[in-house]
Amino acid sequence: MKKLYLSALCGLFGLVSMGAGTVHAASYSSYKVKLGDTAYKISQRYTISLAKLKEINPGIEDLNQLYSGQTLNIPKADAIIALGKNYIGTPYVLGAKRFQDKTFDCSSFVQYLYAKQGISLGWNSREQAKQGVDVSFKDMKKGDLMFFADEDYPNETGLNKVRHVGIYMGDGKILHTYEEGTGVIVSDLYNDPKEGDYWYKYFLFAKRIIQ
């Protein structure tokens, strides 16, 4: 199966590099309660339990008495994934313009979502692969970046093997974009309806950006 759009660097046309190194990002972002919000609605929106919401907001005595304008802590990983899911189906374009949301390639999609949480990532998948800290496959958690090789480039070595990046959602799922006609999609590492075990087979390594 050919991955025609997993081009080297997945966004090679972005010429500015953010540079290598470790990024340490705070775990939480702020969410302002809106009129009509309830703790349950917020927990569903960000796929976190009410117990977790209470745990990370110890200053709020009663989650059933939220008021408009109140500030809540939300895990950044959940905020990134919740925003990213809003773009399901957004078209894939190789070399898509950065920091806009009409089209994406794999690295611009990841870069865009993280930037919304104040986190700067490199301009292509190989630059992004230099950031963060290494995470083993079994220790991956929501928000970690996953990097993949491409079956069409079997002889690459080192960072040259990196051809694609996506965001781990937990439960064996990846939020990413990788080819025209598909666009932003949630894929399964195993037994994916579209790609079978491709993503597991060509997985290289994971990096943690959010500490």
N, C-alpha and C. Protein backbone atom coordinates (compact mmCIF):
# COMPACT_ATOMS: atom_id res chain seq x y z
N MET A 1 0.85 -1.20 0.00
CA MET A 1 0.00 0.00 0.00
C MET A 1 0.88 1.24 0.00
N LYS A 2 0.70 2.09 -0.95
CA LYS A 2 1.56 3.25 -1.10
C LYS A 2 0.98 4.44 -0.34
N LYS A 3 1.85 5.10 0.42
CA LYS A 3 1.47 6.32 1.12
C LYS A 3 2.01 7.49 0.31
N LEU A 4 1.33 7.83 -0.76
CA LEU A 4 1.87 8.80 -1.71
C LEU A 4 2.07 10.18 -1.10
N TYR A 5 1.33 10.48 -0.04
CA TYR A 5 1.38 11.84 0.48
C TYR A 5 2.16 11.95 1.78
N LEU A 6 2.78 10.86 2.22
CA LEU A 6 3.66 10.96 3.38
C LEU A 6 5.02 11.40 2.88
N SER A 7 5.08 12.62 2.37
CA SER A 7 6.30 13.13 1.78
C SER A 7 7.37 13.37 2.82
N ALA A 8 8.62 13.26 2.39
CA ALA A 8 9.72 13.53 3.32
C ALA A 8 9.51 14.88 3.97
N LEU A 9 9.57 14.87 5.27
CA LEU A 9 9.40 16.04 6.14
C LEU A 9 7.95 16.41 6.37
N CYS A 10 7.01 15.86 5.61
CA CYS A 10 5.59 16.15 5.85
C CYS A 10 5.38 17.64 6.06
N GLY A 11 5.83 18.45 5.15
CA GLY A 11 5.72 19.88 5.30
C GLY A 11 7.05 20.52 5.00
N LEU A 12 7.77 19.95 4.05
CA LEU A 12 9.09 20.40 3.69
C LEU A 12 9.11 21.86 3.30
N PHE A 13 7.98 22.37 2.81
CA PHE A 13 7.97 23.71 2.27
C PHE A 13 7.98 24.78 3.34
N GLY A 14 7.81 24.40 4.60
CA GLY A 14 7.99 25.38 5.67
C GLY A 14 9.48 25.56 5.89
N LEU A 15 10.04 26.73 5.59
CA LEU A 15 11.48 26.90 5.56
C LEU A 15 12.06 27.36 6.89
N VAL A 16 11.24 27.83 7.81
CA VAL A 16 11.75 28.32 9.08
C VAL A 16 11.72 27.20 10.10
N SER A 17 12.81 26.96 10.80
CA SER A 17 12.87 25.91 11.81
C SER A 17 12.80 26.51 13.20
N MET A 18 12.05 25.84 14.08
CA MET A 18 12.00 26.27 15.47
C MET A 18 13.20 25.77 16.24
N GLY A 19 13.99 24.86 15.63
CA GLY A 19 15.18 24.36 16.28
C GLY A 19 14.90 23.10 17.10
N ALA A 20 15.98 22.41 17.43
CA ALA A 20 15.87 21.18 18.20
C ALA A 20 15.85 21.50 19.68
N GLY A 21 15.64 20.44 20.47
CA GLY A 21 15.71 20.61 21.91
C GLY A 21 14.46 20.11 22.59
N THR A 22 14.50 20.13 23.89
CA THR A 22 13.38 19.64 24.68
C THR A 22 12.40 20.76 24.98
N VAL A 23 11.14 20.49 24.75
CA VAL A 23 10.08 21.43 25.07
C VAL A 23 9.40 20.95 26.34
N HIS A 24 9.28 21.80 27.32
CA HIS A 24 8.55 21.45 28.53
C HIS A 24 7.32 22.35 28.60
N ALA A 25 6.17 21.81 28.42
CA ALA A 25 4.94 22.59 28.43
C ALA A 25 4.13 22.23 29.66
N ALA A 26 3.51 23.23 30.27
CA ALA A 26 2.67 23.00 31.43
C ALA A 26 1.53 22.06 31.07
N SER A 27 1.03 21.35 32.05
CA SER A 27 0.05 20.31 31.80
C SER A 27 -1.36 20.83 31.56
N TYR A 28 -1.66 22.04 32.04
CA TYR A 28 -3.03 22.53 32.00
C TYR A 28 -3.18 23.84 31.24
N SER A 29 -4.34 23.99 30.64
CA SER A 29 -4.72 25.27 30.04
C SER A 29 -5.95 25.77 30.77
N SER A 30 -6.30 27.03 30.54
CA SER A 30 -7.44 27.63 31.22
C SER A 30 -8.66 27.62 30.31
N TYR A 31 -9.80 27.31 30.89
CA TYR A 31 -11.07 27.34 30.16
C TYR A 31 -12.05 28.22 30.92
N LYS A 32 -12.62 29.20 30.23
CA LYS A 32 -13.61 30.06 30.85
C LYS A 32 -15.01 29.49 30.64
N VAL A 33 -15.71 29.27 31.72
CA VAL A 33 -17.06 28.73 31.67
C VAL A 33 -17.97 29.69 30.92
N LYS A 34 -18.76 29.13 29.99
CA LYS A 34 -19.69 29.92 29.19
C LYS A 34 -21.12 29.70 29.68
N LEU A 35 -21.98 30.62 29.33
CA LEU A 35 -23.39 30.50 29.67
C LEU A 35 -23.94 29.19 29.12
N GLY A 36 -24.56 28.41 29.94
CA GLY A 36 -25.12 27.13 29.51
C GLY A 36 -24.20 25.95 29.76
N ASP A 37 -22.94 26.22 30.11
CA ASP A 37 -22.01 25.13 30.43
C ASP A 37 -22.41 24.44 31.74
N THR A 38 -22.20 23.16 31.78
CA THR A 38 -22.28 22.40 33.03
C THR A 38 -20.99 21.60 33.15
N ALA A 39 -20.70 21.14 34.34
CA ALA A 39 -19.50 20.32 34.52
C ALA A 39 -19.57 19.07 33.64
N TYR A 40 -20.75 18.49 33.51
CA TYR A 40 -20.90 17.30 32.68
C TYR A 40 -20.60 17.60 31.21
N LYS A 41 -21.14 18.71 30.70
CA LYS A 41 -20.89 19.07 29.31
C LYS A 41 -19.41 19.31 29.06
N ILE A 42 -18.75 19.97 29.99
CA ILE A 42 -17.32 20.25 29.85
C ILE A 42 -16.52 18.96 29.89
N SER A 43 -16.88 18.06 30.80
CA SER A 43 -16.17 16.79 30.88
C SER A 43 -16.34 15.97 29.62
N GLN A 44 -17.52 16.01 29.02
CA GLN A 44 -17.76 15.29 27.77
C GLN A 44 -17.01 15.93 26.61
N ARG A 45 -16.97 17.24 26.58
CA ARG A 45 -16.29 17.96 25.50
C ARG A 45 -14.81 17.60 25.48
N TYR A 46 -14.21 17.47 26.65
CA TYR A 46 -12.78 17.21 26.73
C TYR A 46 -12.45 15.76 27.08
N THR A 47 -13.45 14.92 27.11
CA THR A 47 -13.28 13.48 27.34
C THR A 47 -12.50 13.22 28.63
N ILE A 48 -12.89 13.90 29.69
CA ILE A 48 -12.31 13.64 31.00
C ILE A 48 -13.45 13.39 31.99
N SER A 49 -13.16 12.65 33.02
CA SER A 49 -14.20 12.32 33.98
C SER A 49 -14.50 13.50 34.89
N LEU A 50 -15.67 13.49 35.50
CA LEU A 50 -16.01 14.52 36.47
C LEU A 50 -15.05 14.46 37.66
N ALA A 51 -14.65 13.25 38.03
CA ALA A 51 -13.70 13.09 39.13
C ALA A 51 -12.37 13.75 38.81
N LYS A 52 -11.89 13.57 37.56
CA LYS A 52 -10.65 14.20 37.13
C LYS A 52 -10.80 15.71 37.09
N LEU A 53 -11.93 16.20 36.60
CA LEU A 53 -12.18 17.64 36.55
C LEU A 53 -12.14 18.24 37.95
N LYS A 54 -12.72 17.54 38.90
CA LYS A 54 -12.70 18.01 40.29
C LYS A 54 -11.28 17.98 40.84
N GLU A 55 -10.54 16.92 40.54
CA GLU A 55 -9.19 16.74 41.06
C GLU A 55 -8.26 17.88 40.63
N ILE A 56 -8.38 18.31 39.38
CA ILE A 56 -7.46 19.34 38.87
C ILE A 56 -7.99 20.74 39.11
N ASN A 57 -9.16 20.84 39.73
CA ASN A 57 -9.72 22.14 40.11
C ASN A 57 -10.12 22.12 41.59
N PRO A 58 -9.15 21.92 42.48
CA PRO A 58 -9.47 21.75 43.90
C PRO A 58 -10.09 22.99 44.54
N GLY A 59 -9.92 24.15 43.91
CA GLY A 59 -10.49 25.38 44.47
C GLY A 59 -11.98 25.53 44.25
N ILE A 60 -12.56 24.67 43.43
CA ILE A 60 -13.99 24.74 43.15
C ILE A 60 -14.70 23.75 44.07
N GLU A 61 -15.48 24.28 44.97
CA GLU A 61 -16.13 23.43 45.98
C GLU A 61 -17.22 22.55 45.40
N ASP A 62 -18.00 23.10 44.44
CA ASP A 62 -19.15 22.36 43.91
C ASP A 62 -19.20 22.52 42.40
N LEU A 63 -18.90 21.44 41.67
CA LEU A 63 -18.94 21.50 40.21
C LEU A 63 -20.35 21.73 39.67
N ASN A 64 -21.35 21.53 40.51
CA ASN A 64 -22.73 21.74 40.07
C ASN A 64 -23.15 23.20 40.15
N GLN A 65 -22.23 24.05 40.63
CA GLN A 65 -22.55 25.46 40.75
C GLN A 65 -21.53 26.33 40.02
N LEU A 66 -21.24 25.95 38.78
CA LEU A 66 -20.36 26.76 37.95
C LEU A 66 -21.09 28.01 37.48
N TYR A 67 -20.32 29.07 37.24
CA TYR A 67 -20.93 30.30 36.76
C TYR A 67 -20.16 30.83 35.55
N SER A 68 -20.85 31.57 34.71
CA SER A 68 -20.25 32.10 33.50
C SER A 68 -19.06 32.98 33.85
N GLY A 69 -17.93 32.76 33.15
CA GLY A 69 -16.72 33.52 33.39
C GLY A 69 -15.76 32.87 34.36
N GLN A 70 -16.22 31.83 35.04
CA GLN A 70 -15.35 31.11 35.96
C GLN A 70 -14.25 30.39 35.16
N THR A 71 -13.07 30.28 35.73
CA THR A 71 -11.95 29.65 35.05
C THR A 71 -11.69 28.25 35.59
N LEU A 72 -11.58 27.30 34.68
CA LEU A 72 -11.28 25.92 35.04
C LEU A 72 -9.94 25.51 34.43
N ASN A 73 -9.24 24.62 35.11
CA ASN A 73 -8.09 23.96 34.52
C ASN A 73 -8.57 22.80 33.66
N ILE A 74 -8.00 22.69 32.46
CA ILE A 74 -8.28 21.58 31.55
C ILE A 74 -6.93 21.01 31.12
N PRO A 75 -6.73 19.69 31.17
CA PRO A 75 -5.46 19.13 30.67
C PRO A 75 -5.21 19.56 29.23
N LYS A 76 -4.00 20.04 28.96
CA LYS A 76 -3.70 20.53 27.62
C LYS A 76 -3.86 19.45 26.56
N ALA A 77 -3.48 18.23 26.90
CA ALA A 77 -3.61 17.15 25.92
C ALA A 77 -5.07 16.98 25.50
N ASP A 78 -5.98 17.05 26.46
CA ASP A 78 -7.41 16.90 26.14
C ASP A 78 -7.91 18.09 25.34
N ALA A 79 -7.41 19.29 25.65
CA ALA A 79 -7.81 20.47 24.90
C ALA A 79 -7.34 20.39 23.46
N ILE A 80 -6.11 19.91 23.25
CA ILE A 80 -5.57 19.75 21.90
C ILE A 80 -6.40 18.75 21.10
N ILE A 81 -6.70 17.62 21.71
CA ILE A 81 -7.45 16.58 21.01
C ILE A 81 -8.88 17.03 20.73
N ALA A 82 -9.51 17.70 21.69
CA ALA A 82 -10.88 18.18 21.49
C ALA A 82 -10.94 19.16 20.32
N LEU A 83 -9.96 20.08 20.24
CA LEU A 83 -9.93 21.02 19.13
C LEU A 83 -9.66 20.28 17.82
N GLY A 84 -8.71 19.36 17.85
CA GLY A 84 -8.35 18.64 16.63
C GLY A 84 -9.51 17.86 16.04
N LYS A 85 -10.35 17.29 16.89
CA LYS A 85 -11.50 16.51 16.41
C LYS A 85 -12.51 17.39 15.69
N ASN A 86 -12.48 18.69 15.98
CA ASN A 86 -13.37 19.61 15.26
C ASN A 86 -13.00 19.73 13.79
N TYR A 87 -11.79 19.31 13.44
CA TYR A 87 -11.30 19.46 12.06
C TYR A 87 -11.37 18.16 11.27
N ILE A 88 -12.03 17.15 11.80
CA ILE A 88 -12.18 15.89 11.07
C ILE A 88 -12.71 16.19 9.66
N GLY A 89 -12.02 15.66 8.66
CA GLY A 89 -12.42 15.86 7.27
C GLY A 89 -11.80 17.07 6.60
N THR A 90 -11.13 17.94 7.35
CA THR A 90 -10.47 19.10 6.75
C THR A 90 -9.44 18.60 5.74
N PRO A 91 -9.42 19.18 4.53
CA PRO A 91 -8.59 18.62 3.45
C PRO A 91 -7.10 18.60 3.76
N TYR A 92 -6.45 17.55 3.25
CA TYR A 92 -4.99 17.44 3.29
C TYR A 92 -4.41 18.12 2.06
N VAL A 93 -3.39 18.97 2.27
CA VAL A 93 -2.63 19.56 1.17
C VAL A 93 -1.16 19.53 1.57
N LEU A 94 -0.32 18.87 0.79
CA LEU A 94 1.11 18.83 1.07
C LEU A 94 1.67 20.25 1.04
N GLY A 95 2.41 20.63 2.09
CA GLY A 95 2.96 21.97 2.15
C GLY A 95 1.93 23.02 2.49
N ALA A 96 0.87 22.63 3.16
CA ALA A 96 -0.20 23.57 3.52
C ALA A 96 0.36 24.78 4.25
N LYS A 97 -0.25 25.93 4.01
CA LYS A 97 0.16 27.16 4.69
C LYS A 97 0.03 26.99 6.20
N ARG A 98 0.99 27.53 6.93
CA ARG A 98 1.03 27.36 8.37
C ARG A 98 0.06 28.29 9.10
N PHE A 99 -0.36 27.84 10.27
CA PHE A 99 -1.18 28.63 11.20
C PHE A 99 -2.47 29.15 10.57
N GLN A 100 -3.10 28.30 9.79
CA GLN A 100 -4.46 28.51 9.29
C GLN A 100 -5.13 27.15 9.33
N ASP A 101 -6.47 27.14 9.22
CA ASP A 101 -7.17 25.87 9.42
C ASP A 101 -8.08 25.47 8.26
N LYS A 102 -7.77 25.95 7.07
CA LYS A 102 -8.55 25.55 5.89
C LYS A 102 -8.04 24.25 5.30
N THR A 103 -6.75 24.06 5.33
CA THR A 103 -6.10 22.82 4.87
C THR A 103 -4.93 22.53 5.80
N PHE A 104 -4.51 21.27 5.86
CA PHE A 104 -3.36 20.89 6.67
C PHE A 104 -2.55 19.83 5.95
N ASP A 105 -1.24 19.76 6.27
CA ASP A 105 -0.51 18.51 6.09
C ASP A 105 -0.22 17.99 7.50
N CYS A 106 0.47 16.87 7.61
CA CYS A 106 0.56 16.24 8.93
C CYS A 106 1.23 17.14 9.96
N SER A 107 2.35 17.76 9.58
CA SER A 107 3.09 18.55 10.57
C SER A 107 2.43 19.90 10.84
N SER A 108 1.79 20.49 9.84
CA SER A 108 1.12 21.77 10.08
C SER A 108 -0.10 21.59 10.98
N PHE A 109 -0.76 20.44 10.87
CA PHE A 109 -1.91 20.15 11.73
C PHE A 109 -1.49 20.06 13.19
N VAL A 110 -0.44 19.29 13.44
CA VAL A 110 0.09 19.15 14.80
C VAL A 110 0.58 20.51 15.32
N GLN A 111 1.32 21.21 14.47
CA GLN A 111 1.86 22.52 14.86
C GLN A 111 0.74 23.50 15.21
N TYR A 112 -0.32 23.51 14.41
CA TYR A 112 -1.45 24.41 14.63
C TYR A 112 -2.12 24.14 15.97
N LEU A 113 -2.41 22.87 16.26
CA LEU A 113 -3.11 22.52 17.48
C LEU A 113 -2.28 22.84 18.72
N TYR A 114 -1.01 22.53 18.68
CA TYR A 114 -0.16 22.82 19.83
C TYR A 114 0.03 24.32 20.03
N ALA A 115 0.11 25.05 18.92
CA ALA A 115 0.26 26.51 19.03
C ALA A 115 -0.94 27.13 19.73
N LYS A 116 -2.12 26.55 19.55
CA LYS A 116 -3.31 27.07 20.22
C LYS A 116 -3.21 26.92 21.73
N GLN A 117 -2.31 26.07 22.19
CA GLN A 117 -2.06 25.91 23.63
C GLN A 117 -0.74 26.56 24.05
N GLY A 118 -0.23 27.43 23.17
CA GLY A 118 0.99 28.16 23.50
C GLY A 118 2.26 27.36 23.40
N ILE A 119 2.24 26.27 22.62
CA ILE A 119 3.40 25.39 22.50
C ILE A 119 3.95 25.49 21.08
N SER A 120 5.22 25.86 20.94
CA SER A 120 5.84 26.01 19.63
C SER A 120 6.49 24.70 19.20
N LEU A 121 6.13 24.25 18.01
CA LEU A 121 6.74 23.05 17.44
C LEU A 121 7.43 23.42 16.13
N GLY A 122 8.35 22.56 15.70
CA GLY A 122 9.05 22.77 14.45
C GLY A 122 8.13 22.74 13.24
N TRP A 123 8.69 23.10 12.08
CA TRP A 123 7.89 23.31 10.87
C TRP A 123 7.74 22.06 10.02
N ASN A 124 8.32 20.97 10.40
CA ASN A 124 8.11 19.72 9.68
C ASN A 124 8.28 18.57 10.66
N SER A 125 7.93 17.37 10.23
CA SER A 125 7.89 16.24 11.15
C SER A 125 9.27 15.89 11.70
N ARG A 126 10.31 16.08 10.91
CA ARG A 126 11.65 15.76 11.40
C ARG A 126 12.11 16.76 12.46
N GLU A 127 11.78 18.01 12.28
CA GLU A 127 12.11 19.00 13.31
C GLU A 127 11.31 18.71 14.58
N GLN A 128 10.06 18.36 14.42
CA GLN A 128 9.23 18.03 15.59
C GLN A 128 9.75 16.79 16.31
N ALA A 129 10.34 15.87 15.55
CA ALA A 129 10.86 14.64 16.14
C ALA A 129 12.07 14.89 17.04
N LYS A 130 12.70 16.06 16.91
CA LYS A 130 13.85 16.40 17.75
C LYS A 130 13.41 17.01 19.09
N GLN A 131 12.15 17.33 19.21
CA GLN A 131 11.66 18.02 20.40
C GLN A 131 11.05 17.03 21.40
N GLY A 132 10.83 17.51 22.61
CA GLY A 132 10.22 16.67 23.63
C GLY A 132 11.17 15.63 24.19
N VAL A 133 10.60 14.71 24.94
CA VAL A 133 11.39 13.63 25.55
C VAL A 133 10.88 12.28 25.05
N ASP A 134 11.76 11.32 24.96
CA ASP A 134 11.40 10.00 24.45
C ASP A 134 10.40 9.31 25.37
N VAL A 135 9.45 8.62 24.75
CA VAL A 135 8.44 7.86 25.48
C VAL A 135 8.36 6.47 24.86
N SER A 136 8.37 5.44 25.67
CA SER A 136 8.24 4.10 25.13
C SER A 136 6.81 3.86 24.64
N PHE A 137 6.68 2.91 23.76
CA PHE A 137 5.36 2.61 23.19
C PHE A 137 4.34 2.30 24.28
N LYS A 138 4.73 1.51 25.26
CA LYS A 138 3.79 1.09 26.30
C LYS A 138 3.45 2.21 27.26
N ASP A 139 4.27 3.27 27.28
CA ASP A 139 4.03 4.37 28.22
C ASP A 139 3.40 5.60 27.57
N MET A 140 3.01 5.48 26.31
CA MET A 140 2.40 6.63 25.64
C MET A 140 1.11 7.05 26.34
N LYS A 141 0.85 8.35 26.33
CA LYS A 141 -0.40 8.86 26.86
C LYS A 141 -0.94 9.93 25.94
N LYS A 142 -2.18 10.33 26.19
CA LYS A 142 -2.84 11.33 25.33
C LYS A 142 -1.96 12.57 25.16
N GLY A 143 -1.88 13.03 23.92
CA GLY A 143 -1.12 14.24 23.62
C GLY A 143 0.31 14.00 23.18
N ASP A 144 0.82 12.77 23.33
CA ASP A 144 2.16 12.47 22.85
C ASP A 144 2.18 12.49 21.33
N LEU A 145 3.32 12.89 20.77
CA LEU A 145 3.49 12.86 19.32
C LEU A 145 4.01 11.49 18.89
N MET A 146 3.45 10.97 17.81
CA MET A 146 3.87 9.68 17.27
C MET A 146 4.47 9.91 15.89
N PHE A 147 5.59 9.26 15.65
CA PHE A 147 6.30 9.44 14.38
C PHE A 147 6.38 8.10 13.64
N PHE A 148 6.27 8.21 12.31
CA PHE A 148 6.13 7.01 11.47
C PHE A 148 7.06 7.07 10.27
N ALA A 149 7.45 5.87 9.82
CA ALA A 149 8.16 5.71 8.56
C ALA A 149 7.12 5.54 7.44
N ASP A 150 7.62 5.37 6.22
CA ASP A 150 6.76 5.18 5.05
C ASP A 150 7.27 3.96 4.28
N GLU A 151 6.36 3.09 3.91
CA GLU A 151 6.75 1.87 3.20
C GLU A 151 7.46 2.16 1.88
N ASP A 152 7.24 3.33 1.30
CA ASP A 152 7.86 3.66 0.02
C ASP A 152 9.32 4.10 0.16
N TYR A 153 9.80 4.25 1.40
CA TYR A 153 11.17 4.69 1.63
C TYR A 153 11.85 3.73 2.62
N PRO A 154 12.08 2.49 2.22
CA PRO A 154 12.58 1.46 3.16
C PRO A 154 14.05 1.59 3.53
N ASN A 155 14.82 2.38 2.78
CA ASN A 155 16.26 2.41 2.99
C ASN A 155 16.76 3.62 3.76
N GLU A 156 15.84 4.45 4.25
CA GLU A 156 16.24 5.62 5.02
C GLU A 156 16.77 5.19 6.39
N THR A 157 17.64 6.03 6.96
CA THR A 157 18.18 5.76 8.29
C THR A 157 18.04 6.99 9.18
N GLY A 158 18.15 6.78 10.49
CA GLY A 158 18.10 7.90 11.43
C GLY A 158 16.82 8.72 11.28
N LEU A 159 16.95 10.03 11.45
CA LEU A 159 15.78 10.91 11.34
C LEU A 159 15.21 10.94 9.93
N ASN A 160 16.00 10.53 8.95
CA ASN A 160 15.48 10.49 7.58
C ASN A 160 14.33 9.50 7.43
N LYS A 161 14.20 8.58 8.38
CA LYS A 161 13.10 7.62 8.33
C LYS A 161 11.76 8.29 8.67
N VAL A 162 11.80 9.42 9.36
CA VAL A 162 10.57 10.09 9.80
C VAL A 162 9.86 10.70 8.59
N ARG A 163 8.65 10.23 8.33
CA ARG A 163 7.87 10.71 7.18
C ARG A 163 6.49 11.20 7.58
N HIS A 164 6.13 11.03 8.86
CA HIS A 164 4.77 11.37 9.25
C HIS A 164 4.70 11.56 10.75
N VAL A 165 3.77 12.43 11.19
CA VAL A 165 3.55 12.67 12.61
C VAL A 165 2.05 12.72 12.88
N GLY A 166 1.67 12.21 14.04
CA GLY A 166 0.28 12.29 14.49
C GLY A 166 0.25 12.44 16.00
N ILE A 167 -0.93 12.61 16.56
CA ILE A 167 -1.12 12.81 17.99
C ILE A 167 -1.80 11.58 18.58
N TYR A 168 -1.20 11.03 19.63
CA TYR A 168 -1.81 9.88 20.28
C TYR A 168 -3.01 10.32 21.11
N MET A 169 -4.14 9.62 20.92
CA MET A 169 -5.38 9.97 21.61
C MET A 169 -5.66 9.05 22.80
N GLY A 170 -4.81 8.04 23.00
CA GLY A 170 -5.13 7.01 23.97
C GLY A 170 -5.94 5.91 23.30
N ASP A 171 -6.04 4.76 23.96
CA ASP A 171 -6.85 3.65 23.46
C ASP A 171 -6.46 3.21 22.06
N GLY A 172 -5.18 3.35 21.70
CA GLY A 172 -4.71 2.86 20.41
C GLY A 172 -5.16 3.68 19.21
N LYS A 173 -5.48 4.95 19.42
CA LYS A 173 -5.99 5.79 18.34
C LYS A 173 -5.06 6.98 18.07
N ILE A 174 -5.01 7.39 16.80
CA ILE A 174 -4.16 8.48 16.35
C ILE A 174 -5.03 9.56 15.69
N LEU A 175 -4.79 10.81 16.04
CA LEU A 175 -5.43 11.96 15.37
C LEU A 175 -4.39 12.55 14.44
N HIS A 176 -4.69 12.58 13.14
CA HIS A 176 -3.69 13.03 12.17
C HIS A 176 -4.33 13.29 10.82
N THR A 177 -3.48 13.65 9.85
CA THR A 177 -3.91 13.78 8.46
C THR A 177 -2.77 13.32 7.58
N TYR A 178 -3.10 12.60 6.47
CA TYR A 178 -1.98 12.02 5.73
C TYR A 178 -2.17 11.87 4.23
N GLU A 179 -3.32 12.09 3.68
CA GLU A 179 -3.42 11.97 2.23
C GLU A 179 -4.62 12.73 1.71
N GLU A 180 -4.51 13.17 0.45
CA GLU A 180 -5.62 13.84 -0.21
C GLU A 180 -6.80 12.88 -0.30
N GLY A 181 -7.97 13.45 -0.12
CA GLY A 181 -9.18 12.64 -0.19
C GLY A 181 -9.60 12.06 1.15
N THR A 182 -8.70 12.11 2.12
CA THR A 182 -9.01 11.63 3.47
C THR A 182 -9.05 12.79 4.44
N GLY A 183 -8.00 13.60 4.45
CA GLY A 183 -7.96 14.74 5.36
C GLY A 183 -7.80 14.30 6.81
N VAL A 184 -8.14 15.19 7.72
CA VAL A 184 -8.00 14.90 9.16
C VAL A 184 -8.89 13.71 9.52
N ILE A 185 -8.31 12.77 10.26
CA ILE A 185 -9.01 11.53 10.55
C ILE A 185 -8.50 10.95 11.87
N VAL A 186 -9.30 10.13 12.49
CA VAL A 186 -8.86 9.32 13.63
C VAL A 186 -8.61 7.91 13.11
N SER A 187 -7.38 7.43 13.30
CA SER A 187 -7.01 6.09 12.84
C SER A 187 -6.72 5.19 14.02
N ASP A 188 -6.81 3.88 13.78
CA ASP A 188 -6.46 2.88 14.78
C ASP A 188 -5.06 2.34 14.50
N LEU A 189 -4.28 2.16 15.55
CA LEU A 189 -2.96 1.55 15.39
C LEU A 189 -3.09 0.13 14.87
N TYR A 190 -4.08 -0.58 15.33
CA TYR A 190 -4.30 -1.97 14.93
C TYR A 190 -5.66 -2.09 14.24
N ASN A 191 -5.70 -2.91 13.20
CA ASN A 191 -6.97 -3.22 12.54
C ASN A 191 -7.75 -1.97 12.15
N ASP A 192 -7.04 -0.98 11.63
CA ASP A 192 -7.72 0.23 11.17
C ASP A 192 -8.60 -0.10 9.97
N PRO A 193 -9.83 0.43 9.92
CA PRO A 193 -10.72 0.09 8.81
C PRO A 193 -10.15 0.45 7.44
N LYS A 194 -9.32 1.47 7.40
CA LYS A 194 -8.77 1.94 6.12
C LYS A 194 -7.38 1.37 5.83
N GLU A 195 -6.55 1.24 6.87
CA GLU A 195 -5.14 0.91 6.65
C GLU A 195 -4.68 -0.38 7.33
N GLY A 196 -5.58 -1.11 7.96
CA GLY A 196 -5.16 -2.34 8.62
C GLY A 196 -4.19 -2.06 9.76
N ASP A 197 -3.05 -2.79 9.79
CA ASP A 197 -2.03 -2.60 10.83
C ASP A 197 -0.89 -1.71 10.38
N TYR A 198 -1.14 -0.94 9.33
CA TYR A 198 -0.07 -0.10 8.76
C TYR A 198 0.57 0.79 9.81
N TRP A 199 -0.21 1.46 10.62
CA TRP A 199 0.35 2.45 11.55
C TRP A 199 1.19 1.78 12.63
N TYR A 200 0.79 0.62 13.06
CA TYR A 200 1.60 -0.12 14.03
C TYR A 200 2.91 -0.58 13.38
N LYS A 201 2.82 -1.08 12.19
CA LYS A 201 3.99 -1.62 11.49
C LYS A 201 5.04 -0.56 11.24
N TYR A 202 4.60 0.66 10.91
CA TYR A 202 5.55 1.70 10.53
C TYR A 202 5.79 2.75 11.62
N PHE A 203 5.29 2.47 12.81
CA PHE A 203 5.57 3.35 13.95
C PHE A 203 7.07 3.32 14.28
N LEU A 204 7.65 4.51 14.51
CA LEU A 204 9.07 4.63 14.85
C LEU A 204 9.29 4.88 16.33
N PHE A 205 8.72 5.97 16.84
CA PHE A 205 8.93 6.35 18.23
C PHE A 205 7.93 7.43 18.61
N ALA A 206 7.85 7.71 19.90
CA ALA A 206 6.95 8.76 20.40
C ALA A 206 7.74 9.77 21.20
N LYS A 207 7.25 11.01 21.24
CA LYS A 207 7.85 12.07 22.02
C LYS A 207 6.77 12.73 22.88
N ARG A 208 7.16 13.06 24.10
CA ARG A 208 6.23 13.78 25.00
C ARG A 208 6.61 15.25 25.04
N ILE A 209 5.65 16.09 24.68
CA ILE A 209 5.84 17.54 24.68
C ILE A 209 5.25 18.15 25.94
N ILE A 210 4.11 17.63 26.35
CA ILE A 210 3.40 18.17 27.51
C ILE A 210 3.81 17.39 28.75
N GLN A 211 4.44 18.04 29.68
CA GLN A 211 4.94 17.37 30.89
C GLN A 211 3.93 17.44 32.03
